[in-house]
């Protein structure tokens, strides 16, 4: 799996869990490429009414999911942070 982190090193977006080590590297590249496209961020509400978002690829498949936020404004801030931090994302392999 991979995490896209904000400037404060907090995770903004977390991918699915992959079966092989090669998949996260492939999966994280789309996150860096499509981050500015607002229509790729699906805004959702959890059963406890917490807002969160899912970043989707051009084919509609989920790339990653955010944490649960305390408000819609905080979630929108997370989307903005994702857009701002996506292009400068670096890889830090922890295996």
PDB file of N, CA and C in Angstrom:
ATOM      1  N   UNK A   1       0.848  -1.181   0.000  1.00  0.00           N
ATOM      2  CA  UNK A   1       0.000   0.000   0.000  1.00  0.00           C
ATOM      3  C   UNK A   1       0.884   1.230   0.000  1.00  0.00           C
ATOM      4  N   UNK A   2       0.306   2.369  -0.284  1.00  0.00           N
ATOM      5  CA  UNK A   2       1.050   3.617  -0.239  1.00  0.00           C
ATOM      6  C   UNK A   2       0.182   4.691   0.393  1.00  0.00           C
ATOM      7  N   UNK A   3       0.847   5.709   0.914  1.00  0.00           N
ATOM      8  CA  UNK A   3       0.181   6.883   1.480  1.00  0.00           C
ATOM      9  C   UNK A   3       0.729   8.123   0.799  1.00  0.00           C
ATOM     10  N   UNK A   4      -0.163   9.022   0.440  1.00  0.00           N
ATOM     11  CA  UNK A   4       0.240  10.357   0.015  1.00  0.00           C
ATOM     12  C   UNK A   4       0.172  11.212   1.262  1.00  0.00           C
ATOM     13  N   UNK A   5       1.285  11.886   1.573  1.00  0.00           N
ATOM     14  CA  UNK A   5       1.346  12.661   2.811  1.00  0.00           C
ATOM     15  C   UNK A   5       1.397  14.151   2.530  1.00  0.00           C
ATOM     16  N   UNK A   6       0.831  14.915   3.457  1.00  0.00           N
ATOM     17  CA  UNK A   6       0.850  16.377   3.394  1.00  0.00           C
ATOM     18  C   UNK A   6       2.234  16.876   3.817  1.00  0.00           C
ATOM     19  N   UNK A   7       2.441  18.170   3.717  1.00  0.00           N
ATOM     20  CA  UNK A   7       3.711  18.777   4.115  1.00  0.00           C
ATOM     21  C   UNK A   7       4.032  18.505   5.582  1.00  0.00           C
ATOM     22  N   UNK A   8       2.998  18.311   6.421  1.00  0.00           N
ATOM     23  CA  UNK A   8       3.211  18.026   7.845  1.00  0.00           C
ATOM     24  C   UNK A   8       3.407  16.529   8.105  1.00  0.00           C
ATOM     25  N   UNK A   9       3.553  15.743   7.021  1.00  0.00           N
ATOM     26  CA  UNK A   9       3.806  14.302   7.063  1.00  0.00           C
ATOM     27  C   UNK A   9       2.604  13.471   7.500  1.00  0.00           C
ATOM     28  N   UNK A  10       1.437  14.074   7.582  1.00  0.00           N
ATOM     29  CA  UNK A  10       0.217  13.336   7.898  1.00  0.00           C
ATOM     30  C   UNK A  10      -0.351  12.737   6.608  1.00  0.00           C
ATOM     31  N   UNK A  11      -0.863  11.500   6.655  1.00  0.00           N
ATOM     32  CA  UNK A  11      -1.449  10.897   5.451  1.00  0.00           C
ATOM     33  C   UNK A  11      -2.692  11.660   4.985  1.00  0.00           C
ATOM     34  N   UNK A  12      -2.755  11.886   3.688  1.00  0.00           N
ATOM     35  CA  UNK A  12      -3.930  12.510   3.069  1.00  0.00           C
ATOM     36  C   UNK A  12      -4.758  11.434   2.383  1.00  0.00           C
ATOM     37  N   UNK A  13      -4.068  10.502   1.760  1.00  0.00           N
ATOM     38  CA  UNK A  13      -4.710   9.505   0.914  1.00  0.00           C
ATOM     39  C   UNK A  13      -4.003   8.169   1.117  1.00  0.00           C
ATOM     40  N   UNK A  14      -4.770   7.095   1.244  1.00  0.00           N
ATOM     41  CA  UNK A  14      -4.210   5.759   1.414  1.00  0.00           C
ATOM     42  C   UNK A  14      -4.757   4.854   0.327  1.00  0.00           C
ATOM     43  N   UNK A  15      -3.861   4.102  -0.301  1.00  0.00           N
ATOM     44  CA  UNK A  15      -4.276   3.184  -1.362  1.00  0.00           C
ATOM     45  C   UNK A  15      -4.840   1.907  -0.773  1.00  0.00           C
ATOM     46  N   UNK A  16      -5.295   1.046  -1.659  1.00  0.00           N
ATOM     47  CA  UNK A  16      -5.681  -0.293  -1.263  1.00  0.00           C
ATOM     48  C   UNK A  16      -4.421  -1.059  -0.878  1.00  0.00           C
ATOM     49  N   UNK A  17      -4.584  -2.242  -0.295  1.00  0.00           N
ATOM     50  CA  UNK A  17      -3.462  -3.115  -0.006  1.00  0.00           C
ATOM     51  C   UNK A  17      -3.208  -3.975  -1.231  1.00  0.00           C
ATOM     52  N   UNK A  18      -1.946  -4.055  -1.646  1.00  0.00           N
ATOM     53  CA  UNK A  18      -1.577  -4.813  -2.837  1.00  0.00           C
ATOM     54  C   UNK A  18      -0.986  -6.163  -2.465  1.00  0.00           C
ATOM     55  N   UNK A  19      -1.047  -7.111  -3.409  1.00  0.00           N
ATOM     56  CA  UNK A  19      -0.512  -8.455  -3.196  1.00  0.00           C
ATOM     57  C   UNK A  19       0.984  -8.552  -3.442  1.00  0.00           C
ATOM     58  N   UNK A  20       1.551  -7.604  -4.196  1.00  0.00           N
ATOM     59  CA  UNK A  20       2.984  -7.648  -4.481  1.00  0.00           C
ATOM     60  C   UNK A  20       3.585  -6.267  -4.288  1.00  0.00           C
ATOM     61  N   UNK A  21       4.886  -6.235  -4.064  1.00  0.00           N
ATOM     62  CA  UNK A  21       5.590  -4.982  -3.819  1.00  0.00           C
ATOM     63  C   UNK A  21       5.591  -4.075  -5.051  1.00  0.00           C
ATOM     64  N   UNK A  22       5.582  -4.633  -6.241  1.00  0.00           N
ATOM     65  CA  UNK A  22       5.627  -3.824  -7.463  1.00  0.00           C
ATOM     66  C   UNK A  22       4.352  -3.017  -7.666  1.00  0.00           C
ATOM     67  N   UNK A  23       3.209  -3.505  -7.241  1.00  0.00           N
ATOM     68  CA  UNK A  23       1.929  -2.836  -7.480  1.00  0.00           C
ATOM     69  C   UNK A  23       1.818  -1.448  -6.853  1.00  0.00           C
ATOM     70  N   UNK A  24       2.266  -1.212  -5.623  1.00  0.00           N
ATOM     71  CA  UNK A  24       2.128   0.141  -5.077  1.00  0.00           C
ATOM     72  C   UNK A  24       2.869   1.190  -5.891  1.00  0.00           C
ATOM     73  N   UNK A  25       4.024   0.854  -6.419  1.00  0.00           N
ATOM     74  CA  UNK A  25       4.765   1.825  -7.236  1.00  0.00           C
ATOM     75  C   UNK A  25       3.977   2.178  -8.482  1.00  0.00           C
ATOM     76  N   UNK A  26       3.377   1.177  -9.098  1.00  0.00           N
ATOM     77  CA  UNK A  26       2.542   1.427 -10.272  1.00  0.00           C
ATOM     78  C   UNK A  26       1.310   2.224  -9.866  1.00  0.00           C
ATOM     79  N   UNK A  27       0.690   1.854  -8.768  1.00  0.00           N
ATOM     80  CA  UNK A  27      -0.532   2.510  -8.315  1.00  0.00           C
ATOM     81  C   UNK A  27      -0.337   3.944  -7.888  1.00  0.00           C
ATOM     82  N   UNK A  28       0.815   4.289  -7.334  1.00  0.00           N
ATOM     83  CA  UNK A  28       1.013   5.649  -6.850  1.00  0.00           C
ATOM     84  C   UNK A  28       1.253   6.625  -7.981  1.00  0.00           C
ATOM     85  N   UNK A  29       1.740   6.170  -9.128  1.00  0.00           N
ATOM     86  CA  UNK A  29       1.973   7.075 -10.242  1.00  0.00           C
ATOM     87  C   UNK A  29       0.703   7.773 -10.709  1.00  0.00           C
ATOM     88  N   UNK A  30      -0.437   7.071 -10.860  1.00  0.00           N
ATOM     89  CA  UNK A  30      -1.665   7.766 -11.250  1.00  0.00           C
ATOM     90  C   UNK A  30      -2.073   8.850 -10.247  1.00  0.00           C
ATOM     91  N   UNK A  31      -1.830   8.639  -8.982  1.00  0.00           N
ATOM     92  CA  UNK A  31      -2.188   9.656  -7.982  1.00  0.00           C
ATOM     93  C   UNK A  31      -1.430  10.942  -8.235  1.00  0.00           C
ATOM     94  N   UNK A  32      -0.177  10.837  -8.631  1.00  0.00           N
ATOM     95  CA  UNK A  32       0.611  12.040  -8.912  1.00  0.00           C
ATOM     96  C   UNK A  32       0.164  12.720 -10.193  1.00  0.00           C
ATOM     97  N   UNK A  33      -0.296  11.942 -11.170  1.00  0.00           N
ATOM     98  CA  UNK A  33      -0.685  12.517 -12.451  1.00  0.00           C
ATOM     99  C   UNK A  33      -2.057  13.174 -12.425  1.00  0.00           C
ATOM    100  N   UNK A  34      -3.024  12.638 -11.689  1.00  0.00           N
ATOM    101  CA  UNK A  34      -4.395  13.140 -11.818  1.00  0.00           C
ATOM    102  C   UNK A  34      -4.840  14.011 -10.656  1.00  0.00           C
ATOM    103  N   UNK A  35      -3.966  14.287  -9.750  1.00  0.00           N
ATOM    104  CA  UNK A  35      -4.329  15.048  -8.557  1.00  0.00           C
ATOM    105  C   UNK A  35      -5.057  16.352  -8.819  1.00  0.00           C
ATOM    106  N   UNK A  36      -4.815  17.120  -9.900  1.00  0.00           N
ATOM    107  CA  UNK A  36      -5.474  18.421 -10.020  1.00  0.00           C
ATOM    108  C   UNK A  36      -6.919  18.362 -10.512  1.00  0.00           C
ATOM    109  N   UNK A  37      -7.374  17.225 -10.977  1.00  0.00           N
ATOM    110  CA  UNK A  37      -8.693  17.124 -11.581  1.00  0.00           C
ATOM    111  C   UNK A  37      -9.766  16.929 -10.514  1.00  0.00           C
ATOM    112  N   UNK A  38     -10.511  17.988 -10.233  1.00  0.00           N
ATOM    113  CA  UNK A  38     -11.506  17.960  -9.160  1.00  0.00           C
ATOM    114  C   UNK A  38     -12.560  16.880  -9.362  1.00  0.00           C
ATOM    115  N   UNK A  39     -12.903  16.595 -10.619  1.00  0.00           N
ATOM    116  CA  UNK A  39     -13.947  15.594 -10.872  1.00  0.00           C
ATOM    117  C   UNK A  39     -13.499  14.176 -10.532  1.00  0.00           C
ATOM    118  N   UNK A  40     -12.236  13.974 -10.217  1.00  0.00           N
ATOM    119  CA  UNK A  40     -11.727  12.664  -9.824  1.00  0.00           C
ATOM    120  C   UNK A  40     -11.871  12.423  -8.318  1.00  0.00           C
ATOM    121  N   UNK A  41     -12.265  13.451  -7.577  1.00  0.00           N
ATOM    122  CA  UNK A  41     -12.434  13.328  -6.127  1.00  0.00           C
ATOM    123  C   UNK A  41     -13.909  13.142  -5.814  1.00  0.00           C
ATOM    124  N   UNK A  42     -14.269  11.954  -5.393  1.00  0.00           N
ATOM    125  CA  UNK A  42     -15.656  11.670  -5.047  1.00  0.00           C
ATOM    126  C   UNK A  42     -15.850  11.947  -3.558  1.00  0.00           C
ATOM    127  N   UNK A  43     -16.686  12.933  -3.268  1.00  0.00           N
ATOM    128  CA  UNK A  43     -16.981  13.294  -1.877  1.00  0.00           C
ATOM    129  C   UNK A  43     -18.039  12.351  -1.338  1.00  0.00           C
ATOM    130  N   UNK A  44     -17.768  11.790  -0.151  1.00  0.00           N
ATOM    131  CA  UNK A  44     -18.671  10.800   0.425  1.00  0.00           C
ATOM    132  C   UNK A  44     -18.915  11.119   1.895  1.00  0.00           C
ATOM    133  N   UNK A  45     -19.900  10.439   2.446  1.00  0.00           N
ATOM    134  CA  UNK A  45     -20.216  10.553   3.871  1.00  0.00           C
ATOM    135  C   UNK A  45     -20.334   9.147   4.453  1.00  0.00           C
ATOM    136  N   UNK A  46     -19.612   8.904   5.531  1.00  0.00           N
ATOM    137  CA  UNK A  46     -19.642   7.602   6.199  1.00  0.00           C
ATOM    138  C   UNK A  46     -20.946   7.448   6.979  1.00  0.00           C
ATOM    139  N   UNK A  47     -21.204   6.255   7.456  1.00  0.00           N
ATOM    140  CA  UNK A  47     -22.438   6.004   8.207  1.00  0.00           C
ATOM    141  C   UNK A  47     -22.514   6.842   9.480  1.00  0.00           C
ATOM    142  N   UNK A  48     -21.368   7.236  10.030  1.00  0.00           N
ATOM    143  CA  UNK A  48     -21.376   8.100  11.221  1.00  0.00           C
ATOM    144  C   UNK A  48     -21.421   9.581  10.850  1.00  0.00           C
ATOM    145  N   UNK A  49     -21.655   9.864   9.563  1.00  0.00           N
ATOM    146  CA  UNK A  49     -21.798  11.211   9.003  1.00  0.00           C
ATOM    147  C   UNK A  49     -20.471  11.957   8.845  1.00  0.00           C
ATOM    148  N   UNK A  50     -19.355  11.251   8.972  1.00  0.00           N
ATOM    149  CA  UNK A  50     -18.047  11.859   8.765  1.00  0.00           C
ATOM    150  C   UNK A  50     -17.773  11.971   7.269  1.00  0.00           C
ATOM    151  N   UNK A  51     -17.387  13.151   6.792  1.00  0.00           N
ATOM    152  CA  UNK A  51     -17.048  13.279   5.373  1.00  0.00           C
ATOM    153  C   UNK A  51     -15.668  12.700   5.079  1.00  0.00           C
ATOM    154  N   UNK A  52     -15.532  12.151   3.876  1.00  0.00           N
ATOM    155  CA  UNK A  52     -14.251  11.666   3.375  1.00  0.00           C
ATOM    156  C   UNK A  52     -14.315  11.699   1.860  1.00  0.00           C
ATOM    157  N   UNK A  53     -13.190  11.421   1.202  1.00  0.00           N
ATOM    158  CA  UNK A  53     -13.196  11.403  -0.256  1.00  0.00           C
ATOM    159  C   UNK A  53     -12.428  10.202  -0.783  1.00  0.00           C
ATOM    160  N   UNK A  54     -12.768   9.853  -2.026  1.00  0.00           N
ATOM    161  CA  UNK A  54     -12.100   8.779  -2.754  1.00  0.00           C
ATOM    162  C   UNK A  54     -11.566   9.388  -4.041  1.00  0.00           C
ATOM    163  N   UNK A  55     -10.270   9.178  -4.310  1.00  0.00           N
ATOM    164  CA  UNK A  55      -9.667   9.628  -5.567  1.00  0.00           C
ATOM    165  C   UNK A  55      -9.796   8.500  -6.573  1.00  0.00           C
ATOM    166  N   UNK A  56     -10.316   8.827  -7.756  1.00  0.00           N
ATOM    167  CA  UNK A  56     -10.548   7.810  -8.778  1.00  0.00           C
ATOM    168  C   UNK A  56      -9.697   8.075 -10.007  1.00  0.00           C
ATOM    169  N   UNK A  57      -9.330   6.998 -10.679  1.00  0.00           N
ATOM    170  CA  UNK A  57      -8.582   7.072 -11.934  1.00  0.00           C
ATOM    171  C   UNK A  57      -9.527   7.476 -13.062  1.00  0.00           C
ATOM    172  N   UNK A  58      -8.973   7.723 -14.224  1.00  0.00           N
ATOM    173  CA  UNK A  58      -9.777   8.102 -15.385  1.00  0.00           C
ATOM    174  C   UNK A  58     -10.824   7.046 -15.724  1.00  0.00           C
ATOM    175  N   UNK A  59     -10.529   5.769 -15.428  1.00  0.00           N
ATOM    176  CA  UNK A  59     -11.480   4.694 -15.721  1.00  0.00           C
ATOM    177  C   UNK A  59     -12.517   4.505 -14.622  1.00  0.00           C
ATOM    178  N   UNK A  60     -12.482   5.364 -13.592  1.00  0.00           N
ATOM    179  CA  UNK A  60     -13.450   5.300 -12.508  1.00  0.00           C
ATOM    180  C   UNK A  60     -13.058   4.393 -11.352  1.00  0.00           C
ATOM    181  N   UNK A  61     -11.941   3.690 -11.491  1.00  0.00           N
ATOM    182  CA  UNK A  61     -11.488   2.797 -10.424  1.00  0.00           C
ATOM    183  C   UNK A  61     -10.884   3.612  -9.281  1.00  0.00           C
ATOM    184  N   UNK A  62     -11.155   3.236  -8.037  1.00  0.00           N
ATOM    185  CA  UNK A  62     -10.574   3.949  -6.897  1.00  0.00           C
ATOM    186  C   UNK A  62      -9.052   3.799  -6.857  1.00  0.00           C
ATOM    187  N   UNK A  63      -8.382   4.906  -6.574  1.00  0.00           N
ATOM    188  CA  UNK A  63      -6.927   4.904  -6.409  1.00  0.00           C
ATOM    189  C   UNK A  63      -6.582   4.957  -4.930  1.00  0.00           C
ATOM    190  N   UNK A  64      -7.311   5.765  -4.196  1.00  0.00           N
ATOM    191  CA  UNK A  64      -7.046   5.896  -2.770  1.00  0.00           C
ATOM    192  C   UNK A  64      -8.217   6.528  -2.052  1.00  0.00           C
ATOM    193  N   UNK A  65      -8.176   6.402  -0.722  1.00  0.00           N
ATOM    194  CA  UNK A  65      -9.251   6.925   0.123  1.00  0.00           C
ATOM    195  C   UNK A  65      -8.647   7.771   1.236  1.00  0.00           C
ATOM    196  N   UNK A  66      -9.343   8.828   1.583  1.00  0.00           N
ATOM    197  CA  UNK A  66      -8.866   9.719   2.638  1.00  0.00           C
ATOM    198  C   UNK A  66      -9.240   9.193   4.013  1.00  0.00           C
ATOM    199  N   UNK A  67      -8.787   9.899   5.007  1.00  0.00           N
ATOM    200  CA  UNK A  67      -9.224   9.649   6.375  1.00  0.00           C
ATOM    201  C   UNK A  67     -10.640  10.210   6.539  1.00  0.00           C
ATOM    202  N   UNK A  68     -11.245   9.972   7.662  1.00  0.00           N
ATOM    203  CA  UNK A  68     -12.534  10.575   7.987  1.00  0.00           C
ATOM    204  C   UNK A  68     -12.264  11.967   8.558  1.00  0.00           C
ATOM    205  N   UNK A  69     -13.038  12.929   8.125  1.00  0.00           N
ATOM    206  CA  UNK A  69     -12.861  14.312   8.571  1.00  0.00           C
ATOM    207  C   UNK A  69     -13.983  14.720   9.513  1.00  0.00           C
ATOM    208  N   UNK A  70     -13.720  15.758  10.271  1.00  0.00           N
ATOM    209  CA  UNK A  70     -14.697  16.261  11.240  1.00  0.00           C
ATOM    210  C   UNK A  70     -15.730  17.179  10.603  1.00  0.00           C
ATOM    211  N   UNK A  71     -15.429  17.682   9.404  1.00  0.00           N
ATOM    212  CA  UNK A  71     -16.362  18.583   8.726  1.00  0.00           C
ATOM    213  C   UNK A  71     -16.117  18.542   7.221  1.00  0.00           C
ATOM    214  N   UNK A  72     -17.097  19.039   6.476  1.00  0.00           N
ATOM    215  CA  UNK A  72     -16.945  19.128   5.026  1.00  0.00           C
ATOM    216  C   UNK A  72     -15.808  20.079   4.675  1.00  0.00           C
ATOM    217  N   UNK A  73     -15.675  21.168   5.407  1.00  0.00           N
ATOM    218  CA  UNK A  73     -14.597  22.119   5.143  1.00  0.00           C
ATOM    219  C   UNK A  73     -13.230  21.459   5.338  1.00  0.00           C
ATOM    220  N   UNK A  74     -13.093  20.640   6.375  1.00  0.00           N
ATOM    221  CA  UNK A  74     -11.831  19.939   6.614  1.00  0.00           C
ATOM    222  C   UNK A  74     -11.552  18.949   5.481  1.00  0.00           C
ATOM    223  N   UNK A  75     -12.590  18.270   4.995  1.00  0.00           N
ATOM    224  CA  UNK A  75     -12.427  17.349   3.873  1.00  0.00           C
ATOM    225  C   UNK A  75     -11.976  18.096   2.625  1.00  0.00           C
ATOM    226  N   UNK A  76     -12.591  19.241   2.349  1.00  0.00           N
ATOM    227  CA  UNK A  76     -12.195  20.044   1.183  1.00  0.00           C
ATOM    228  C   UNK A  76     -10.740  20.490   1.323  1.00  0.00           C
ATOM    229  N   UNK A  77     -10.319  20.788   2.548  1.00  0.00           N
ATOM    230  CA  UNK A  77      -8.918  21.116   2.789  1.00  0.00           C
ATOM    231  C   UNK A  77      -8.018  19.931   2.482  1.00  0.00           C
ATOM    232  N   UNK A  78      -8.479  18.724   2.802  1.00  0.00           N
ATOM    233  CA  UNK A  78      -7.730  17.520   2.474  1.00  0.00           C
ATOM    234  C   UNK A  78      -7.597  17.324   0.977  1.00  0.00           C
ATOM    235  N   UNK A  79      -8.656  17.602   0.236  1.00  0.00           N
ATOM    236  CA  UNK A  79      -8.608  17.505  -1.231  1.00  0.00           C
ATOM    237  C   UNK A  79      -7.618  18.527  -1.779  1.00  0.00           C
ATOM    238  N   UNK A  80      -7.661  19.736  -1.266  1.00  0.00           N
ATOM    239  CA  UNK A  80      -6.717  20.772  -1.704  1.00  0.00           C
ATOM    240  C   UNK A  80      -5.286  20.348  -1.401  1.00  0.00           C
ATOM    241  N   UNK A  81      -5.072  19.781  -0.225  1.00  0.00           N
ATOM    242  CA  UNK A  81      -3.742  19.314   0.147  1.00  0.00           C
ATOM    243  C   UNK A  81      -3.289  18.188  -0.783  1.00  0.00           C
ATOM    244  N   UNK A  82      -4.193  17.301  -1.141  1.00  0.00           N
ATOM    245  CA  UNK A  82      -3.884  16.218  -2.067  1.00  0.00           C
ATOM    246  C   UNK A  82      -3.443  16.799  -3.411  1.00  0.00           C
ATOM    247  N   UNK A  83      -4.180  17.768  -3.903  1.00  0.00           N
ATOM    248  CA  UNK A  83      -3.844  18.414  -5.170  1.00  0.00           C
ATOM    249  C   UNK A  83      -2.486  19.109  -5.099  1.00  0.00           C
ATOM    250  N   UNK A  84      -2.199  19.744  -3.974  1.00  0.00           N
ATOM    251  CA  UNK A  84      -0.944  20.481  -3.820  1.00  0.00           C
ATOM    252  C   UNK A  84       0.251  19.567  -3.609  1.00  0.00           C
ATOM    253  N   UNK A  85       0.063  18.432  -2.934  1.00  0.00           N
ATOM    254  CA  UNK A  85       1.175  17.553  -2.590  1.00  0.00           C
ATOM    255  C   UNK A  85       1.395  16.416  -3.585  1.00  0.00           C
ATOM    256  N   UNK A  86       0.420  16.148  -4.424  1.00  0.00           N
ATOM    257  CA  UNK A  86       0.553  15.067  -5.403  1.00  0.00           C
ATOM    258  C   UNK A  86       1.754  15.197  -6.322  1.00  0.00           C
ATOM    259  N   UNK A  87       1.980  16.375  -6.919  1.00  0.00           N
ATOM    260  CA  UNK A  87       3.074  16.470  -7.885  1.00  0.00           C
ATOM    261  C   UNK A  87       4.459  16.311  -7.271  1.00  0.00           C
ATOM    262  N   UNK A  88       4.612  16.608  -6.021  1.00  0.00           N
ATOM    263  CA  UNK A  88       5.926  16.520  -5.393  1.00  0.00           C
ATOM    264  C   UNK A  88       6.084  15.268  -4.549  1.00  0.00           C
ATOM    265  N   UNK A  89       5.167  14.319  -4.690  1.00  0.00           N
ATOM    266  CA  UNK A  89       5.219  13.101  -3.893  1.00  0.00           C
ATOM    267  C   UNK A  89       6.502  12.330  -4.176  1.00  0.00           C
ATOM    268  N   UNK A  90       7.121  11.863  -3.110  1.00  0.00           N
ATOM    269  CA  UNK A  90       8.323  11.042  -3.228  1.00  0.00           C
ATOM    270  C   UNK A  90       8.033   9.659  -2.672  1.00  0.00           C
ATOM    271  N   UNK A  91       8.872   8.706  -3.023  1.00  0.00           N
ATOM    272  CA  UNK A  91       8.708   7.339  -2.551  1.00  0.00           C
ATOM    273  C   UNK A  91       9.664   7.083  -1.404  1.00  0.00           C
ATOM    274  N   UNK A  92       9.132   6.544  -0.319  1.00  0.00           N
ATOM    275  CA  UNK A  92       9.931   6.158   0.832  1.00  0.00           C
ATOM    276  C   UNK A  92       9.568   4.712   1.143  1.00  0.00           C
ATOM    277  N   UNK A  93      10.339   3.777   0.614  1.00  0.00           N
ATOM    278  CA  UNK A  93      10.059   2.350   0.739  1.00  0.00           C
ATOM    279  C   UNK A  93      10.411   1.886   2.146  1.00  0.00           C
ATOM    280  N   UNK A  94       9.419   1.408   2.898  1.00  0.00           N
ATOM    281  CA  UNK A  94       9.600   0.988   4.285  1.00  0.00           C
ATOM    282  C   UNK A  94       9.791  -0.521   4.435  1.00  0.00           C
ATOM    283  N   UNK A  95       9.970  -1.242   3.306  1.00  0.00           N
ATOM    284  CA  UNK A  95      10.132  -2.696   3.415  1.00  0.00           C
ATOM    285  C   UNK A  95      11.573  -3.093   3.527  1.00  0.00           C
TER     286      UNK A  95
END
